[in-house]
Amino acid sequence: MLVRNCAGGVVFYNDRVFLLKNEKGEWVLPKGVMRNGDMTYEVALQRVKEETGISAEIVSPAGRTSYEFFSVSRQRPVCNKITWYIMKSPTDKYIVNHEDKFTDGGFFEIQEAMNLVTYSQDKSLVYLSFKRFKEQAS
């Protein structure tokens, strides 16, 4: 099994969270694979910027998730281990990166986001991150 370390961001603007829709129609959070020597927070900030156009600021760590899938292109199982960060956007402006095969995206109210997010791990991550984000903002 190929194990990949990744990093990503749960990006908030006020009471809304940013989601991306990928080419499979799944609503996900911005993230990317780490290369040798990369720092997790750098990759998380870089992927958020590349995939959304947002220059976010890290507020705090959010936790870790992992998932496995079978890669058709690699013809073997893959395990992605993702380190997440809670981030704050200075604006609600964004640009969805269609070159990375994202078809849609935007900031969503938390309840709407919870209905859209495809994977249960990501739903939990968004919910818990929002609670922490609001606690730190008050």
C-alpha atoms as a PDB file:
ATOM      1  CA  MET A   1       0.000   0.000   0.000  1.00  0.00           C
ATOM      2  CA  LEU A   2       1.201   3.478  -0.871  1.00  0.00           C
ATOM      3  CA  VAL A   3       1.017   5.770   2.179  1.00  0.00           C
ATOM      4  CA  ARG A   4       0.910   9.509   1.481  1.00  0.00           C
ATOM      5  CA  ASN A   5       1.228  12.265   4.075  1.00  0.00           C
ATOM      6  CA  CYS A   6      -0.977  15.227   3.272  1.00  0.00           C
ATOM      7  CA  ALA A   7      -2.003  18.548   4.809  1.00  0.00           C
ATOM      8  CA  GLY A   8      -5.050  20.746   4.400  1.00  0.00           C
ATOM      9  CA  GLY A   9      -7.167  23.544   5.748  1.00  0.00           C
ATOM     10  CA  VAL A  10     -10.624  24.018   7.197  1.00  0.00           C
ATOM     11  CA  VAL A  11     -11.036  27.633   6.083  1.00  0.00           C
ATOM     12  CA  PHE A  12     -13.574  29.945   7.743  1.00  0.00           C
ATOM     13  CA  TYR A  13     -14.832  33.386   6.877  1.00  0.00           C
ATOM     14  CA  ASN A  14     -17.114  34.583   9.679  1.00  0.00           C
ATOM     15  CA  ASP A  15     -19.635  31.755  10.200  1.00  0.00           C
ATOM     16  CA  ARG A  16     -19.018  30.053   6.859  1.00  0.00           C
ATOM     17  CA  VAL A  17     -16.598  27.321   5.793  1.00  0.00           C
ATOM     18  CA  PHE A  18     -14.994  26.815   2.377  1.00  0.00           C
ATOM     19  CA  LEU A  19     -15.737  23.644   0.410  1.00  0.00           C
ATOM     20  CA  LEU A  20     -14.621  22.450  -3.015  1.00  0.00           C
ATOM     21  CA  LYS A  21     -16.492  20.158  -5.400  1.00  0.00           C
ATOM     22  CA  ASN A  22     -14.160  17.737  -7.191  1.00  0.00           C
ATOM     23  CA  GLU A  23     -14.559  16.068 -10.585  1.00  0.00           C
ATOM     24  CA  LYS A  24     -16.342  13.103  -8.944  1.00  0.00           C
ATOM     25  CA  GLY A  25     -19.014  15.445  -7.541  1.00  0.00           C
ATOM     26  CA  GLU A  26     -17.690  15.109  -3.975  1.00  0.00           C
ATOM     27  CA  TRP A  27     -17.654  18.121  -1.644  1.00  0.00           C
ATOM     28  CA  VAL A  28     -14.255  18.202   0.080  1.00  0.00           C
ATOM     29  CA  LEU A  29     -11.788  20.443   1.896  1.00  0.00           C
ATOM     30  CA  PRO A  30      -8.611  21.826   0.266  1.00  0.00           C
ATOM     31  CA  LYS A  31      -5.576  19.602   0.835  1.00  0.00           C
ATOM     32  CA  GLY A  32      -2.469  18.250  -0.856  1.00  0.00           C
ATOM     33  CA  VAL A  33       0.346  15.724  -0.706  1.00  0.00           C
ATOM     34  CA  MET A  34       3.534  16.570   1.159  1.00  0.00           C
ATOM     35  CA  ARG A  35       6.901  16.139  -0.527  1.00  0.00           C
ATOM     36  CA  ASN A  36      10.244  15.420   1.156  1.00  0.00           C
ATOM     37  CA  GLY A  37      11.141  18.104   3.664  1.00  0.00           C
ATOM     38  CA  ASP A  38       7.827  19.944   3.465  1.00  0.00           C
ATOM     39  CA  MET A  39       6.348  21.288   6.687  1.00  0.00           C
ATOM     40  CA  THR A  40       2.672  20.395   7.197  1.00  0.00           C
ATOM     41  CA  TYR A  41       1.546  23.972   7.828  1.00  0.00           C
ATOM     42  CA  GLU A  42       3.350  25.195   4.682  1.00  0.00           C
ATOM     43  CA  VAL A  43       1.680  22.567   2.500  1.00  0.00           C
ATOM     44  CA  ALA A  44      -1.728  23.317   4.049  1.00  0.00           C
ATOM     45  CA  LEU A  45      -1.414  27.073   3.382  1.00  0.00           C
ATOM     46  CA  GLN A  46       0.009  26.476  -0.110  1.00  0.00           C
ATOM     47  CA  ARG A  47      -2.757  24.052  -1.141  1.00  0.00           C
ATOM     48  CA  VAL A  48      -5.481  26.355   0.166  1.00  0.00           C
ATOM     49  CA  LYS A  49      -3.951  29.188  -1.888  1.00  0.00           C
ATOM     50  CA  GLU A  50      -3.524  27.038  -5.029  1.00  0.00           C
ATOM     51  CA  GLU A  51      -6.953  25.406  -4.920  1.00  0.00           C
ATOM     52  CA  THR A  52      -9.037  28.385  -3.739  1.00  0.00           C
ATOM     53  CA  GLY A  53      -7.042  31.575  -4.307  1.00  0.00           C
ATOM     54  CA  ILE A  54      -7.437  32.344  -0.586  1.00  0.00           C
ATOM     55  CA  SER A  55      -4.485  33.694   1.409  1.00  0.00           C
ATOM     56  CA  ALA A  56      -5.570  32.185   4.707  1.00  0.00           C
ATOM     57  CA  GLU A  57      -4.031  32.446   8.160  1.00  0.00           C
ATOM     58  CA  ILE A  58      -3.663  29.434  10.459  1.00  0.00           C
ATOM     59  CA  VAL A  59      -5.638  29.792  13.690  1.00  0.00           C
ATOM     60  CA  SER A  60      -4.804  26.401  15.245  1.00  0.00           C
ATOM     61  CA  PRO A  61      -4.288  22.704  14.480  1.00  0.00           C
ATOM     62  CA  ALA A  62      -7.542  20.855  13.736  1.00  0.00           C
ATOM     63  CA  GLY A  63      -6.455  17.219  13.998  1.00  0.00           C
ATOM     64  CA  ARG A  64      -5.793  14.333  11.659  1.00  0.00           C
ATOM     65  CA  THR A  65      -7.800  12.029   9.451  1.00  0.00           C
ATOM     66  CA  SER A  66      -6.908   9.160   7.151  1.00  0.00           C
ATOM     67  CA  TYR A  67      -8.651   7.196   4.461  1.00  0.00           C
ATOM     68  CA  GLU A  68      -7.864   4.385   2.060  1.00  0.00           C
ATOM     69  CA  PHE A  69      -8.870   3.907  -1.539  1.00  0.00           C
ATOM     70  CA  PHE A  70      -7.847   1.913  -4.585  1.00  0.00           C
ATOM     71  CA  SER A  71      -6.007   4.047  -7.129  1.00  0.00           C
ATOM     72  CA  VAL A  72      -6.992   3.025 -10.637  1.00  0.00           C
ATOM     73  CA  SER A  73      -4.093   4.969 -12.153  1.00  0.00           C
ATOM     74  CA  ARG A  74      -1.531   3.383  -9.798  1.00  0.00           C
ATOM     75  CA  GLN A  75      -3.279   0.003  -9.712  1.00  0.00           C
ATOM     76  CA  ARG A  76      -2.798  -0.345  -5.966  1.00  0.00           C
ATOM     77  CA  PRO A  77      -4.311   0.734  -2.640  1.00  0.00           C
ATOM     78  CA  VAL A  78      -3.435   4.170  -1.257  1.00  0.00           C
ATOM     79  CA  CYS A  79      -3.706   5.520   2.286  1.00  0.00           C
ATOM     80  CA  ASN A  80      -3.834   9.299   2.702  1.00  0.00           C
ATOM     81  CA  LYS A  81      -2.911  10.566   6.183  1.00  0.00           C
ATOM     82  CA  ILE A  82      -3.967  14.207   6.476  1.00  0.00           C
ATOM     83  CA  THR A  83      -2.946  16.826   9.038  1.00  0.00           C
ATOM     84  CA  TRP A  84      -5.557  19.587   9.197  1.00  0.00           C
ATOM     85  CA  TYR A  85      -5.406  23.226  10.282  1.00  0.00           C
ATOM     86  CA  ILE A  86      -8.193  25.618  11.198  1.00  0.00           C
ATOM     87  CA  MET A  87      -7.738  28.733   9.054  1.00  0.00           C
ATOM     88  CA  LYS A  88      -9.244  32.180   8.801  1.00  0.00           C
ATOM     89  CA  SER A  89      -9.781  33.941   5.487  1.00  0.00           C
ATOM     90  CA  PRO A  90      -9.446  37.757   5.375  1.00  0.00           C
ATOM     91  CA  THR A  91     -12.165  37.920   2.693  1.00  0.00           C
ATOM     92  CA  ASP A  92     -14.998  35.919   1.178  1.00  0.00           C
ATOM     93  CA  LYS A  93     -13.420  36.212  -2.286  1.00  0.00           C
ATOM     94  CA  TYR A  94     -12.083  33.021  -3.866  1.00  0.00           C
ATOM     95  CA  ILE A  95     -11.128  31.428  -7.184  1.00  0.00           C
ATOM     96  CA  VAL A  96     -11.844  27.722  -7.786  1.00  0.00           C
ATOM     97  CA  ASN A  97      -8.855  26.090  -9.496  1.00  0.00           C
ATOM     98  CA  HIS A  98     -10.375  24.249 -12.452  1.00  0.00           C
ATOM     99  CA  GLU A  99      -6.919  23.022 -13.545  1.00  0.00           C
ATOM    100  CA  ASP A 100      -6.900  20.846 -10.389  1.00  0.00           C
ATOM    101  CA  LYS A 101     -10.216  19.373 -11.603  1.00  0.00           C
ATOM    102  CA  PHE A 102     -12.456  21.222  -9.158  1.00  0.00           C
ATOM    103  CA  THR A 103     -15.833  22.108 -10.642  1.00  0.00           C
ATOM    104  CA  ASP A 104     -17.286  24.358  -7.934  1.00  0.00           C
ATOM    105  CA  GLY A 105     -16.626  25.799  -4.514  1.00  0.00           C
ATOM    106  CA  GLY A 106     -17.522  28.485  -2.045  1.00  0.00           C
ATOM    107  CA  PHE A 107     -18.172  29.543   1.508  1.00  0.00           C
ATOM    108  CA  PHE A 108     -21.200  27.839   3.049  1.00  0.00           C
ATOM    109  CA  GLU A 109     -23.134  28.306   6.281  1.00  0.00           C
ATOM    110  CA  ILE A 110     -22.196  25.456   8.628  1.00  0.00           C
ATOM    111  CA  GLN A 111     -25.534  23.619   8.419  1.00  0.00           C
ATOM    112  CA  GLU A 112     -25.495  23.721   4.621  1.00  0.00           C
ATOM    113  CA  ALA A 113     -21.855  22.598   4.598  1.00  0.00           C
ATOM    114  CA  MET A 114     -22.710  19.662   6.867  1.00  0.00           C
ATOM    115  CA  ASN A 115     -25.333  18.586   4.324  1.00  0.00           C
ATOM    116  CA  LEU A 116     -22.960  18.978   1.373  1.00  0.00           C
ATOM    117  CA  VAL A 117     -19.722  17.412   2.702  1.00  0.00           C
ATOM    118  CA  THR A 118     -19.369  13.954   1.200  1.00  0.00           C
ATOM    119  CA  TYR A 119     -17.357  12.055   3.819  1.00  0.00           C
ATOM    120  CA  SER A 120     -18.361  11.539   7.463  1.00  0.00           C
ATOM    121  CA  GLN A 121     -14.804  12.173   8.707  1.00  0.00           C
ATOM    122  CA  ASP A 122     -14.861  15.548   6.977  1.00  0.00           C
ATOM    123  CA  LYS A 123     -18.293  16.352   8.468  1.00  0.00           C
ATOM    124  CA  SER A 124     -16.913  15.717  11.972  1.00  0.00           C
ATOM    125  CA  LEU A 125     -13.795  17.736  11.182  1.00  0.00           C
ATOM    126  CA  VAL A 126     -15.845  20.713   9.954  1.00  0.00           C
ATOM    127  CA  TYR A 127     -18.192  20.592  12.951  1.00  0.00           C
ATOM    128  CA  LEU A 128     -15.444  20.339  15.579  1.00  0.00           C
ATOM    129  CA  SER A 129     -13.264  22.908  13.813  1.00  0.00           C
ATOM    130  CA  PHE A 130     -16.140  25.383  13.693  1.00  0.00           C
ATOM    131  CA  LYS A 131     -16.737  24.979  17.432  1.00  0.00           C
ATOM    132  CA  ARG A 132     -13.034  25.592  18.136  1.00  0.00           C
ATOM    133  CA  PHE A 133     -12.912  28.516  15.682  1.00  0.00           C
ATOM    134  CA  LYS A 134     -15.862  30.212  17.404  1.00  0.00           C
ATOM    135  CA  GLU A 135     -14.378  29.608  20.875  1.00  0.00           C
ATOM    136  CA  GLN A 136     -11.091  31.214  19.860  1.00  0.00           C
ATOM    137  CA  ALA A 137     -12.846  34.158  18.238  1.00  0.00           C
ATOM    138  CA  SER A 138     -14.759  35.040  21.406  1.00  0.00           C
END
